[in-house]
Amino acid sequence: MLTVLTQIESVINSRPLTLLSEDPSELTALTPAHFLMSSPIKFLPAKIKIDDEPVSLLKRFALLDDNVSPLSWPLGKVIEDYPGKDGVCRVVLVKTATGVYKRPVVRLCPLPNQ
């Protein structure tokens, strides 16, 4: 129960308090974690049992899942959209701190507006 509550607390403390700035080089939002730890939370706290046994490649591949925690999602800005023939936008160009990516809209999660 304590682990679940700690993970919930870290997700809440990683939510942005303000909108992103208009400066395209600054891709971080102000969060409660900045006030608590002077830096954003990067990982969910977890209880991990460390084994000395090596992990096989198949087990390691199983750990690489698309359903990662929201704290691991990169923060970015949509800089261009690509509407289809029907006028509905399904693909966008997103700028993150690590580069520019073309992503489907269904794989994006917009931040709440004020």
PDB file of N, CA and C in Angstrom:
ATOM      1  N   MET A   1       0.830  -1.185   0.000  1.00  0.00           N
ATOM      2  CA  MET A   1       0.000   0.000   0.000  1.00  0.00           C
ATOM      3  C   MET A   1       0.875   1.250   0.000  1.00  0.00           C
ATOM      4  N   LEU A   2       1.957   1.204   0.767  1.00  0.00           N
ATOM      5  CA  LEU A   2       2.859   2.350   0.836  1.00  0.00           C
ATOM      6  C   LEU A   2       3.508   2.628  -0.521  1.00  0.00           C
ATOM      7  N   THR A   3       3.863   1.578  -1.251  1.00  0.00           N
ATOM      8  CA  THR A   3       4.468   1.750  -2.573  1.00  0.00           C
ATOM      9  C   THR A   3       3.486   2.411  -3.534  1.00  0.00           C
ATOM     10  N   VAL A   4       2.244   1.983  -3.515  1.00  0.00           N
ATOM     11  CA  VAL A   4       1.227   2.564  -4.403  1.00  0.00           C
ATOM     12  C   VAL A   4       1.004   4.033  -4.062  1.00  0.00           C
ATOM     13  N   LEU A   5       0.899   4.353  -2.788  1.00  0.00           N
ATOM     14  CA  LEU A   5       0.693   5.746  -2.384  1.00  0.00           C
ATOM     15  C   LEU A   5       1.893   6.623  -2.741  1.00  0.00           C
ATOM     16  N   THR A   6       3.084   6.082  -2.621  1.00  0.00           N
ATOM     17  CA  THR A   6       4.283   6.834  -2.989  1.00  0.00           C
ATOM     18  C   THR A   6       4.325   7.089  -4.491  1.00  0.00           C
ATOM     19  N   GLN A   7       3.931   6.103  -5.291  1.00  0.00           N
ATOM     20  CA  GLN A   7       3.889   6.293  -6.732  1.00  0.00           C
ATOM     21  C   GLN A   7       2.829   7.315  -7.128  1.00  0.00           C
ATOM     22  N   ILE A   8       1.683   7.291  -6.481  1.00  0.00           N
ATOM     23  CA  ILE A   8       0.636   8.289  -6.744  1.00  0.00           C
ATOM     24  C   ILE A   8       1.134   9.680  -6.396  1.00  0.00           C
ATOM     25  N   GLU A   9       1.817   9.803  -5.271  1.00  0.00           N
ATOM     26  CA  GLU A   9       2.369  11.086  -4.855  1.00  0.00           C
ATOM     27  C   GLU A   9       3.378  11.615  -5.871  1.00  0.00           C
ATOM     28  N   SER A  10       4.219  10.748  -6.397  1.00  0.00           N
ATOM     29  CA  SER A  10       5.223  11.207  -7.357  1.00  0.00           C
ATOM     30  C   SER A  10       4.591  11.620  -8.683  1.00  0.00           C
ATOM     31  N   VAL A  11       3.517  10.939  -9.100  1.00  0.00           N
ATOM     32  CA  VAL A  11       2.821  11.330 -10.328  1.00  0.00           C
ATOM     33  C   VAL A  11       2.150  12.687 -10.138  1.00  0.00           C
ATOM     34  N   ILE A  12       1.525  12.901  -8.994  1.00  0.00           N
ATOM     35  CA  ILE A  12       0.880  14.189  -8.729  1.00  0.00           C
ATOM     36  C   ILE A  12       1.914  15.305  -8.655  1.00  0.00           C
ATOM     37  N   ASN A  13       3.053  15.048  -8.034  1.00  0.00           N
ATOM     38  CA  ASN A  13       4.087  16.079  -7.925  1.00  0.00           C
ATOM     39  C   ASN A  13       4.826  16.329  -9.232  1.00  0.00           C
ATOM     40  N   SER A  14       4.600  15.503 -10.250  1.00  0.00           N
ATOM     41  CA  SER A  14       5.261  15.728 -11.533  1.00  0.00           C
ATOM     42  C   SER A  14       4.349  16.431 -12.533  1.00  0.00           C
ATOM     43  N   ARG A  15       3.104  16.708 -12.166  1.00  0.00           N
ATOM     44  CA  ARG A  15       2.185  17.411 -13.061  1.00  0.00           C
ATOM     45  C   ARG A  15       2.608  18.867 -13.211  1.00  0.00           C
ATOM     46  N   PRO A  16       2.535  19.425 -14.406  1.00  0.00           N
ATOM     47  CA  PRO A  16       2.938  20.823 -14.611  1.00  0.00           C
ATOM     48  C   PRO A  16       1.987  21.794 -13.929  1.00  0.00           C
ATOM     49  N   LEU A  17       2.566  22.854 -13.334  1.00  0.00           N
ATOM     50  CA  LEU A  17       1.773  23.906 -12.700  1.00  0.00           C
ATOM     51  C   LEU A  17       1.436  25.024 -13.680  1.00  0.00           C
ATOM     52  N   THR A  18       2.289  25.224 -14.661  1.00  0.00           N
ATOM     53  CA  THR A  18       2.111  26.310 -15.613  1.00  0.00           C
ATOM     54  C   THR A  18       2.191  25.767 -17.032  1.00  0.00           C
ATOM     55  N   LEU A  19       1.822  26.616 -17.976  1.00  0.00           N
ATOM     56  CA  LEU A  19       1.978  26.256 -19.374  1.00  0.00           C
ATOM     57  C   LEU A  19       3.446  26.333 -19.753  1.00  0.00           C
ATOM     58  N   LEU A  20       3.818  25.679 -20.835  1.00  0.00           N
ATOM     59  CA  LEU A  20       5.183  25.769 -21.336  1.00  0.00           C
ATOM     60  C   LEU A  20       5.442  27.177 -21.851  1.00  0.00           C
ATOM     61  N   SER A  21       6.670  27.609 -21.783  1.00  0.00           N
ATOM     62  CA  SER A  21       7.019  28.927 -22.297  1.00  0.00           C
ATOM     63  C   SER A  21       7.000  28.918 -23.819  1.00  0.00           C
ATOM     64  N   GLU A  22       6.998  30.091 -24.419  1.00  0.00           N
ATOM     65  CA  GLU A  22       6.995  30.203 -25.869  1.00  0.00           C
ATOM     66  C   GLU A  22       8.376  29.938 -26.462  1.00  0.00           C
ATOM     67  N   ASP A  23       9.418  29.917 -25.633  1.00  0.00           N
ATOM     68  CA  ASP A  23      10.782  29.675 -26.095  1.00  0.00           C
ATOM     69  C   ASP A  23      10.914  28.207 -26.491  1.00  0.00           C
ATOM     70  N   PRO A  24      11.205  27.910 -27.781  1.00  0.00           N
ATOM     71  CA  PRO A  24      11.256  26.505 -28.207  1.00  0.00           C
ATOM     72  C   PRO A  24      12.423  25.725 -27.620  1.00  0.00           C
ATOM     73  N   SER A  25      13.427  26.396 -27.097  1.00  0.00           N
ATOM     74  CA  SER A  25      14.561  25.663 -26.532  1.00  0.00           C
ATOM     75  C   SER A  25      14.295  25.205 -25.102  1.00  0.00           C
ATOM     76  N   GLU A  26      13.289  25.767 -24.444  1.00  0.00           N
ATOM     77  CA  GLU A  26      12.971  25.389 -23.074  1.00  0.00           C
ATOM     78  C   GLU A  26      11.786  24.436 -23.081  1.00  0.00           C
ATOM     79  N   LEU A  27      12.039  23.165 -22.812  1.00  0.00           N
ATOM     80  CA  LEU A  27      10.992  22.147 -22.892  1.00  0.00           C
ATOM     81  C   LEU A  27      10.669  21.520 -21.542  1.00  0.00           C
ATOM     82  N   THR A  28      10.808  22.277 -20.469  1.00  0.00           N
ATOM     83  CA  THR A  28      10.434  21.760 -19.159  1.00  0.00           C
ATOM     84  C   THR A  28       9.362  22.655 -18.561  1.00  0.00           C
ATOM     85  N   ALA A  29       8.438  22.054 -17.850  1.00  0.00           N
ATOM     86  CA  ALA A  29       7.368  22.792 -17.192  1.00  0.00           C
ATOM     87  C   ALA A  29       7.632  22.820 -15.689  1.00  0.00           C
ATOM     88  N   LEU A  30       7.174  23.870 -15.024  1.00  0.00           N
ATOM     89  CA  LEU A  30       7.327  23.999 -13.579  1.00  0.00           C
ATOM     90  C   LEU A  30       6.370  23.041 -12.889  1.00  0.00           C
ATOM     91  N   THR A  31       6.893  22.192 -12.001  1.00  0.00           N
ATOM     92  CA  THR A  31       6.093  21.190 -11.297  1.00  0.00           C
ATOM     93  C   THR A  31       6.285  21.353  -9.787  1.00  0.00           C
ATOM     94  N   PRO A  32       5.397  20.775  -8.955  1.00  0.00           N
ATOM     95  CA  PRO A  32       5.617  20.813  -7.509  1.00  0.00           C
ATOM     96  C   PRO A  32       6.933  20.159  -7.089  1.00  0.00           C
ATOM     97  N   ALA A  33       7.415  19.213  -7.882  1.00  0.00           N
ATOM     98  CA  ALA A  33       8.679  18.551  -7.546  1.00  0.00           C
ATOM     99  C   ALA A  33       9.850  19.522  -7.584  1.00  0.00           C
ATOM    100  N   HIS A  34       9.762  20.575  -8.410  1.00  0.00           N
ATOM    101  CA  HIS A  34      10.822  21.577  -8.437  1.00  0.00           C
ATOM    102  C   HIS A  34      10.960  22.259  -7.071  1.00  0.00           C
ATOM    103  N   PHE A  35       9.831  22.468  -6.374  1.00  0.00           N
ATOM    104  CA  PHE A  35       9.868  23.098  -5.057  1.00  0.00           C
ATOM    105  C   PHE A  35      10.288  22.121  -3.964  1.00  0.00           C
ATOM    106  N   LEU A  36       9.923  20.837  -4.134  1.00  0.00           N
ATOM    107  CA  LEU A  36      10.249  19.834  -3.123  1.00  0.00           C
ATOM    108  C   LEU A  36      11.681  19.327  -3.227  1.00  0.00           C
ATOM    109  N   MET A  37      12.164  19.134  -4.472  1.00  0.00           N
ATOM    110  CA  MET A  37      13.464  18.504  -4.674  1.00  0.00           C
ATOM    111  C   MET A  37      14.419  19.351  -5.502  1.00  0.00           C
ATOM    112  N   SER A  38      14.000  20.538  -5.915  1.00  0.00           N
ATOM    113  CA  SER A  38      14.759  21.455  -6.772  1.00  0.00           C
ATOM    114  C   SER A  38      15.083  20.865  -8.144  1.00  0.00           C
ATOM    115  N   SER A  39      14.364  19.822  -8.537  1.00  0.00           N
ATOM    116  CA  SER A  39      14.501  19.229  -9.873  1.00  0.00           C
ATOM    117  C   SER A  39      13.248  18.407 -10.142  1.00  0.00           C
ATOM    118  N   PRO A  40      12.934  18.146 -11.400  1.00  0.00           N
ATOM    119  CA  PRO A  40      11.752  17.324 -11.682  1.00  0.00           C
ATOM    120  C   PRO A  40      11.986  15.863 -11.325  1.00  0.00           C
ATOM    121  N   ILE A  41      10.898  15.162 -11.026  1.00  0.00           N
ATOM    122  CA  ILE A  41      10.981  13.731 -10.733  1.00  0.00           C
ATOM    123  C   ILE A  41      11.166  12.993 -12.049  1.00  0.00           C
ATOM    124  N   LYS A  42      12.160  12.138 -12.122  1.00  0.00           N
ATOM    125  CA  LYS A  42      12.445  11.432 -13.366  1.00  0.00           C
ATOM    126  C   LYS A  42      11.921  10.000 -13.371  1.00  0.00           C
ATOM    127  N   PHE A  43      11.806   9.381 -12.202  1.00  0.00           N
ATOM    128  CA  PHE A  43      11.394   7.986 -12.136  1.00  0.00           C
ATOM    129  C   PHE A  43      10.415   7.797 -10.990  1.00  0.00           C
ATOM    130  N   LEU A  44       9.516   6.834 -11.158  1.00  0.00           N
ATOM    131  CA  LEU A  44       8.634   6.461 -10.064  1.00  0.00           C
ATOM    132  C   LEU A  44       9.419   5.669  -9.039  1.00  0.00           C
ATOM    133  N   PRO A  45       9.223   5.931  -7.753  1.00  0.00           N
ATOM    134  CA  PRO A  45       9.884   5.097  -6.756  1.00  0.00           C
ATOM    135  C   PRO A  45       9.293   3.698  -6.794  1.00  0.00           C
ATOM    136  N   ALA A  46      10.128   2.719  -6.711  1.00  0.00           N
ATOM    137  CA  ALA A  46       9.658   1.335  -6.785  1.00  0.00           C
ATOM    138  C   ALA A  46      10.491   0.469  -5.873  1.00  0.00           C
ATOM    139  N   LYS A  47       9.888  -0.594  -5.408  1.00  0.00           N
ATOM    140  CA  LYS A  47      10.583  -1.585  -4.607  1.00  0.00           C
ATOM    141  C   LYS A  47      11.134  -2.621  -5.574  1.00  0.00           C
ATOM    142  N   ILE A  48      12.409  -2.661  -5.736  1.00  0.00           N
ATOM    143  CA  ILE A  48      13.017  -3.562  -6.717  1.00  0.00           C
ATOM    144  C   ILE A  48      13.891  -4.580  -5.996  1.00  0.00           C
ATOM    145  N   LYS A  49      13.710  -5.829  -6.357  1.00  0.00           N
ATOM    146  CA  LYS A  49      14.563  -6.889  -5.827  1.00  0.00           C
ATOM    147  C   LYS A  49      15.690  -7.102  -6.835  1.00  0.00           C
ATOM    148  N   ILE A  50      16.897  -6.897  -6.413  1.00  0.00           N
ATOM    149  CA  ILE A  50      18.055  -7.033  -7.298  1.00  0.00           C
ATOM    150  C   ILE A  50      18.651  -8.426  -7.125  1.00  0.00           C
ATOM    151  N   ASP A  51      18.740  -9.136  -8.231  1.00  0.00           N
ATOM    152  CA  ASP A  51      19.315 -10.475  -8.228  1.00  0.00           C
ATOM    153  C   ASP A  51      20.701 -10.433  -8.852  1.00  0.00           C
ATOM    154  N   ASP A  52      21.532 -11.347  -8.440  1.00  0.00           N
ATOM    155  CA  ASP A  52      22.844 -11.477  -9.056  1.00  0.00           C
ATOM    156  C   ASP A  52      22.772 -12.306 -10.334  1.00  0.00           C
ATOM    157  N   GLU A  53      21.622 -12.881 -10.597  1.00  0.00           N
ATOM    158  CA  GLU A  53      21.429 -13.734 -11.758  1.00  0.00           C
ATOM    159  C   GLU A  53      21.283 -12.870 -13.022  1.00  0.00           C
ATOM    160  N   PRO A  54      22.040 -13.178 -14.083  1.00  0.00           N
ATOM    161  CA  PRO A  54      21.920 -12.378 -15.317  1.00  0.00           C
ATOM    162  C   PRO A  54      20.567 -12.595 -15.988  1.00  0.00           C
ATOM    163  N   VAL A  55      20.100 -11.552 -16.668  1.00  0.00           N
ATOM    164  CA  VAL A  55      18.806 -11.600 -17.346  1.00  0.00           C
ATOM    165  C   VAL A  55      19.031 -12.007 -18.801  1.00  0.00           C
ATOM    166  N   SER A  56      18.226 -12.954 -19.281  1.00  0.00           N
ATOM    167  CA  SER A  56      18.362 -13.377 -20.674  1.00  0.00           C
ATOM    168  C   SER A  56      17.854 -12.284 -21.602  1.00  0.00           C
ATOM    169  N   LEU A  57      18.240 -12.359 -22.871  1.00  0.00           N
ATOM    170  CA  LEU A  57      17.816 -11.358 -23.840  1.00  0.00           C
ATOM    171  C   LEU A  57      16.302 -11.354 -24.030  1.00  0.00           C
ATOM    172  N   LEU A  58      15.667 -12.507 -23.961  1.00  0.00           N
ATOM    173  CA  LEU A  58      14.227 -12.585 -24.128  1.00  0.00           C
ATOM    174  C   LEU A  58      13.505 -11.903 -22.966  1.00  0.00           C
ATOM    175  N   LYS A  59      13.994 -12.125 -21.737  1.00  0.00           N
ATOM    176  CA  LYS A  59      13.386 -11.464 -20.584  1.00  0.00           C
ATOM    177  C   LYS A  59      13.644  -9.961 -20.631  1.00  0.00           C
ATOM    178  N   ARG A  60      14.828  -9.554 -21.073  1.00  0.00           N
ATOM    179  CA  ARG A  60      15.147  -8.132 -21.176  1.00  0.00           C
ATOM    180  C   ARG A  60      14.238  -7.453 -22.208  1.00  0.00           C
ATOM    181  N   PHE A  61      13.964  -8.151 -23.331  1.00  0.00           N
ATOM    182  CA  PHE A  61      13.070  -7.608 -24.352  1.00  0.00           C
ATOM    183  C   PHE A  61      11.652  -7.464 -23.811  1.00  0.00           C
ATOM    184  N   ALA A  62      11.230  -8.392 -22.960  1.00  0.00           N
ATOM    185  CA  ALA A  62       9.889  -8.313 -22.388  1.00  0.00           C
ATOM    186  C   ALA A  62       9.755  -7.093 -21.473  1.00  0.00           C
ATOM    187  N   LEU A  63      10.848  -6.638 -20.896  1.00  0.00           N
ATOM    188  CA  LEU A  63      10.805  -5.467 -20.029  1.00  0.00           C
ATOM    189  C   LEU A  63      10.681  -4.163 -20.828  1.00  0.00           C
ATOM    190  N   LEU A  64      11.034  -4.189 -22.107  1.00  0.00           N
ATOM    191  CA  LEU A  64      10.934  -3.008 -22.960  1.00  0.00           C
ATOM    192  C   LEU A  64       9.511  -2.919 -23.493  1.00  0.00           C
ATOM    193  N   ASP A  65       8.634  -2.219 -22.754  1.00  0.00           N
ATOM    194  CA  ASP A  65       7.210  -2.152 -23.095  1.00  0.00           C
ATOM    195  C   ASP A  65       6.833  -0.712 -23.426  1.00  0.00           C
ATOM    196  N   ASP A  66       5.874  -0.551 -24.326  1.00  0.00           N
ATOM    197  CA  ASP A  66       5.385   0.774 -24.681  1.00  0.00           C
ATOM    198  C   ASP A  66       4.634   1.443 -23.532  1.00  0.00           C
ATOM    199  N   ASN A  67       4.079   0.655 -22.641  1.00  0.00           N
ATOM    200  CA  ASN A  67       3.279   1.193 -21.547  1.00  0.00           C
ATOM    201  C   ASN A  67       4.150   1.607 -20.372  1.00  0.00           C
ATOM    202  N   VAL A  68       4.995   2.613 -20.581  1.00  0.00           N
ATOM    203  CA  VAL A  68       5.846   3.112 -19.514  1.00  0.00           C
ATOM    204  C   VAL A  68       5.091   4.160 -18.717  1.00  0.00           C
ATOM    205  N   SER A  69       5.586   4.500 -17.556  1.00  0.00           N
ATOM    206  CA  SER A  69       4.909   5.458 -16.694  1.00  0.00           C
ATOM    207  C   SER A  69       4.934   6.855 -17.312  1.00  0.00           C
ATOM    208  N   PRO A  70       3.970   7.695 -16.978  1.00  0.00           N
ATOM    209  CA  PRO A  70       3.934   9.047 -17.529  1.00  0.00           C
ATOM    210  C   PRO A  70       5.168   9.878 -17.196  1.00  0.00           C
ATOM    211  N   LEU A  71       5.876   9.522 -16.141  1.00  0.00           N
ATOM    212  CA  LEU A  71       7.094  10.269 -15.805  1.00  0.00           C
ATOM    213  C   LEU A  71       8.199  10.046 -16.819  1.00  0.00           C
ATOM    214  N   SER A  72       8.099   8.966 -17.586  1.00  0.00           N
ATOM    215  CA  SER A  72       9.108   8.655 -18.592  1.00  0.00           C
ATOM    216  C   SER A  72       8.781   9.228 -19.965  1.00  0.00           C
ATOM    217  N   TRP A  73       7.590   9.807 -20.123  1.00  0.00           N
ATOM    218  CA  TRP A  73       7.204  10.367 -21.411  1.00  0.00           C
ATOM    219  C   TRP A  73       7.987  11.641 -21.676  1.00  0.00           C
ATOM    220  N   PRO A  74       8.500  11.825 -22.883  1.00  0.00           N
ATOM    221  CA  PRO A  74       9.213  13.070 -23.187  1.00  0.00           C
ATOM    222  C   PRO A  74       8.226  14.225 -23.343  1.00  0.00           C
ATOM    223  N   LEU A  75       8.635  15.405 -22.890  1.00  0.00           N
ATOM    224  CA  LEU A  75       7.821  16.604 -23.014  1.00  0.00           C
ATOM    225  C   LEU A  75       8.219  17.312 -24.285  1.00  0.00           C
ATOM    226  N   GLY A  76       7.261  17.738 -25.076  1.00  0.00           N
ATOM    227  CA  GLY A  76       7.578  18.384 -26.339  1.00  0.00           C
ATOM    228  C   GLY A  76       6.494  19.332 -26.787  1.00  0.00           C
ATOM    229  N   LYS A  77       6.770  20.017 -27.896  1.00  0.00           N
ATOM    230  CA  LYS A  77       5.812  20.948 -28.487  1.00  0.00           C
ATOM    231  C   LYS A  77       5.509  20.522 -29.909  1.00  0.00           C
ATOM    232  N   VAL A  78       4.253  20.634 -30.293  1.00  0.00           N
ATOM    233  CA  VAL A  78       3.848  20.353 -31.671  1.00  0.00           C
ATOM    234  C   VAL A  78       4.245  21.564 -32.510  1.00  0.00           C
ATOM    235  N   ILE A  79       5.080  21.345 -33.525  1.00  0.00           N
ATOM    236  CA  ILE A  79       5.529  22.456 -34.348  1.00  0.00           C
ATOM    237  C   ILE A  79       4.903  22.451 -35.742  1.00  0.00           C
ATOM    238  N   GLU A  80       4.318  21.330 -36.155  1.00  0.00           N
ATOM    239  CA  GLU A  80       3.663  21.271 -37.457  1.00  0.00           C
ATOM    240  C   GLU A  80       2.677  20.116 -37.454  1.00  0.00           C
ATOM    241  N   ASP A  81       1.555  20.318 -38.146  1.00  0.00           N
ATOM    242  CA  ASP A  81       0.589  19.233 -38.272  1.00  0.00           C
ATOM    243  C   ASP A  81       0.396  18.895 -39.740  1.00  0.00           C
ATOM    244  N   TYR A  82      -0.009  17.649 -39.978  1.00  0.00           N
ATOM    245  CA  TYR A  82      -0.199  17.145 -41.334  1.00  0.00           C
ATOM    246  C   TYR A  82      -1.635  16.646 -41.477  1.00  0.00           C
ATOM    247  N   PRO A  83      -2.550  17.499 -41.956  1.00  0.00           N
ATOM    248  CA  PRO A  83      -3.933  17.038 -42.132  1.00  0.00           C
ATOM    249  C   PRO A  83      -4.043  16.075 -43.308  1.00  0.00           C
ATOM    250  N   GLY A  84      -4.976  15.149 -43.198  1.00  0.00           N
ATOM    251  CA  GLY A  84      -5.202  14.184 -44.268  1.00  0.00           C
ATOM    252  C   GLY A  84      -6.087  14.766 -45.360  1.00  0.00           C
ATOM    253  N   LYS A  85      -6.497  13.943 -46.314  1.00  0.00           N
ATOM    254  CA  LYS A  85      -7.361  14.387 -47.416  1.00  0.00           C
ATOM    255  C   LYS A  85      -8.722  14.849 -46.913  1.00  0.00           C
ATOM    256  N   ASP A  86      -9.152  14.278 -45.770  1.00  0.00           N
ATOM    257  CA  ASP A  86     -10.443  14.660 -45.204  1.00  0.00           C
ATOM    258  C   ASP A  86     -10.358  15.871 -44.279  1.00  0.00           C
ATOM    259  N   GLY A  87      -9.151  16.448 -44.115  1.00  0.00           N
ATOM    260  CA  GLY A  87      -8.970  17.630 -43.281  1.00  0.00           C
ATOM    261  C   GLY A  87      -8.711  17.336 -41.815  1.00  0.00           C
ATOM    262  N   VAL A  88      -8.739  16.076 -41.438  1.00  0.00           N
ATOM    263  CA  VAL A  88      -8.500  15.688 -40.043  1.00  0.00           C
ATOM    264  C   VAL A  88      -7.008  15.442 -39.854  1.00  0.00           C
ATOM    265  N   CYS A  89      -6.448  16.065 -38.806  1.00  0.00           N
ATOM    266  CA  CYS A  89      -5.014  15.919 -38.526  1.00  0.00           C
ATOM    267  C   CYS A  89      -4.784  14.621 -37.759  1.00  0.00           C
ATOM    268  N   ARG A  90      -3.943  13.753 -38.306  1.00  0.00           N
ATOM    269  CA  ARG A  90      -3.636  12.482 -37.653  1.00  0.00           C
ATOM    270  C   ARG A  90      -2.153  12.322 -37.351  1.00  0.00           C
ATOM    271  N   VAL A  91      -1.306  13.170 -37.927  1.00  0.00           N
ATOM    272  CA  VAL A  91       0.137  13.096 -37.733  1.00  0.00           C
ATOM    273  C   VAL A  91       0.659  14.506 -37.461  1.00  0.00           C
ATOM    274  N   VAL A  92       1.597  14.623 -36.498  1.00  0.00           N
ATOM    275  CA  VAL A  92       2.191  15.917 -36.174  1.00  0.00           C
ATOM    276  C   VAL A  92       3.703  15.783 -36.063  1.00  0.00           C
ATOM    277  N   LEU A  93       4.382  16.915 -36.154  1.00  0.00           N
ATOM    278  CA  LEU A  93       5.818  16.992 -35.949  1.00  0.00           C
ATOM    279  C   LEU A  93       6.035  17.560 -34.545  1.00  0.00           C
ATOM    280  N   VAL A  94       6.729  16.827 -33.688  1.00  0.00           N
ATOM    281  CA  VAL A  94       6.905  17.202 -32.285  1.00  0.00           C
ATOM    282  C   VAL A  94       8.373  17.477 -32.013  1.00  0.00           C
ATOM    283  N   LYS A  95       8.670  18.623 -31.363  1.00  0.00           N
ATOM    284  CA  LYS A  95      10.046  18.955 -30.973  1.00  0.00           C
ATOM    285  C   LYS A  95      10.207  18.652 -29.498  1.00  0.00           C
ATOM    286  N   THR A  96      11.175  17.788 -29.166  1.00  0.00           N
ATOM    287  CA  THR A  96      11.499  17.455 -27.782  1.00  0.00           C
ATOM    288  C   THR A  96      12.920  17.916 -27.488  1.00  0.00           C
ATOM    289  N   ALA A  97      13.369  17.679 -26.283  1.00  0.00           N
ATOM    290  CA  ALA A  97      14.723  18.070 -25.905  1.00  0.00           C
ATOM    291  C   ALA A  97      15.767  17.251 -26.659  1.00  0.00           C
ATOM    292  N   THR A  98      15.395  16.065 -27.144  1.00  0.00           N
ATOM    293  CA  THR A  98      16.359  15.204 -27.825  1.00  0.00           C
ATOM    294  C   THR A  98      16.273  15.252 -29.337  1.00  0.00           C
ATOM    295  N   GLY A  99      15.255  15.914 -29.891  1.00  0.00           N
ATOM    296  CA  GLY A  99      15.160  15.991 -31.339  1.00  0.00           C
ATOM    297  C   GLY A  99      13.748  16.263 -31.808  1.00  0.00           C
ATOM    298  N   VAL A 100      13.524  16.135 -33.104  1.00  0.00           N
ATOM    299  CA  VAL A 100      12.217  16.365 -33.720  1.00  0.00           C
ATOM    300  C   VAL A 100      11.705  15.025 -34.247  1.00  0.00           C
ATOM    301  N   TYR A 101      10.444  14.701 -33.924  1.00  0.00           N
ATOM    302  CA  TYR A 101       9.865  13.420 -34.289  1.00  0.00           C
ATOM    303  C   TYR A 101       8.527  13.604 -34.963  1.00  0.00           C
ATOM    304  N   LYS A 102       8.216  12.749 -35.921  1.00  0.00           N
ATOM    305  CA  LYS A 102       6.895  12.710 -36.539  1.00  0.00           C
ATOM    306  C   LYS A 102       6.115  11.622 -35.813  1.00  0.00           C
ATOM    307  N   ARG A 103       5.016  12.008 -35.156  1.00  0.00           N
ATOM    308  CA  ARG A 103       4.253  11.079 -34.320  1.00  0.00           C
ATOM    309  C   ARG A 103       2.780  11.090 -34.692  1.00  0.00           C
ATOM    310  N   PRO A 104       2.085   9.970 -34.562  1.00  0.00           N
ATOM    311  CA  PRO A 104       0.635   9.977 -34.741  1.00  0.00           C
ATOM    312  C   PRO A 104      -0.032  10.687 -33.555  1.00  0.00           C
ATOM    313  N   VAL A 105      -1.142  11.330 -33.821  1.00  0.00           N
ATOM    314  CA  VAL A 105      -1.829  12.104 -32.784  1.00  0.00           C
ATOM    315  C   VAL A 105      -2.315  11.208 -31.653  1.00  0.00           C
ATOM    316  N   VAL A 106      -2.661   9.973 -31.958  1.00  0.00           N
ATOM    317  CA  VAL A 106      -3.154   9.072 -30.915  1.00  0.00           C
ATOM    318  C   VAL A 106      -2.068   8.702 -29.907  1.00  0.00           C
ATOM    319  N   ARG A 107      -0.801   8.953 -30.223  1.00  0.00           N
ATOM    320  CA  ARG A 107       0.302   8.654 -29.305  1.00  0.00           C
ATOM    321  C   ARG A 107       0.735   9.876 -28.502  1.00  0.00           C
ATOM    322  N   LEU A 108      -0.031  10.976 -28.572  1.00  0.00           N
ATOM    323  CA  LEU A 108       0.282  12.201 -27.841  1.00  0.00           C
ATOM    324  C   LEU A 108      -0.682  12.366 -26.671  1.00  0.00           C
ATOM    325  N   CYS A 109      -0.226  13.052 -25.631  1.00  0.00           N
ATOM    326  CA  CYS A 109      -1.059  13.344 -24.476  1.00  0.00           C
ATOM    327  C   CYS A 109      -0.936  14.839 -24.199  1.00  0.00           C
ATOM    328  N   PRO A 110      -1.975  15.631 -24.521  1.00  0.00           N
ATOM    329  CA  PRO A 110      -1.858  17.079 -24.310  1.00  0.00           C
ATOM    330  C   PRO A 110      -1.877  17.432 -22.825  1.00  0.00           C
ATOM    331  N   LEU A 111      -1.155  18.496 -22.494  1.00  0.00           N
ATOM    332  CA  LEU A 111      -1.151  19.001 -21.129  1.00  0.00           C
ATOM    333  C   LEU A 111      -2.398  19.855 -20.915  1.00  0.00           C
ATOM    334  N   PRO A 112      -2.912  19.920 -19.680  1.00  0.00           N
ATOM    335  CA  PRO A 112      -4.113  20.729 -19.446  1.00  0.00           C
ATOM    336  C   PRO A 112      -3.788  22.214 -19.585  1.00  0.00           C
ATOM    337  N   ASN A 113      -4.729  22.975 -20.127  1.00  0.00           N
ATOM    338  CA  ASN A 113      -4.582  24.426 -20.267  1.00  0.00           C
ATOM    339  C   ASN A 113      -5.156  25.125 -19.054  1.00  0.00           C
ATOM    340  N   GLN A 114      -4.689  26.337 -18.822  1.00  0.00           N
ATOM    341  CA  GLN A 114      -5.217  27.100 -17.687  1.00  0.00           C
ATOM    342  C   GLN A 114      -6.421  27.888 -18.105  1.00  0.00           C
TER     343      GLN A 114
END
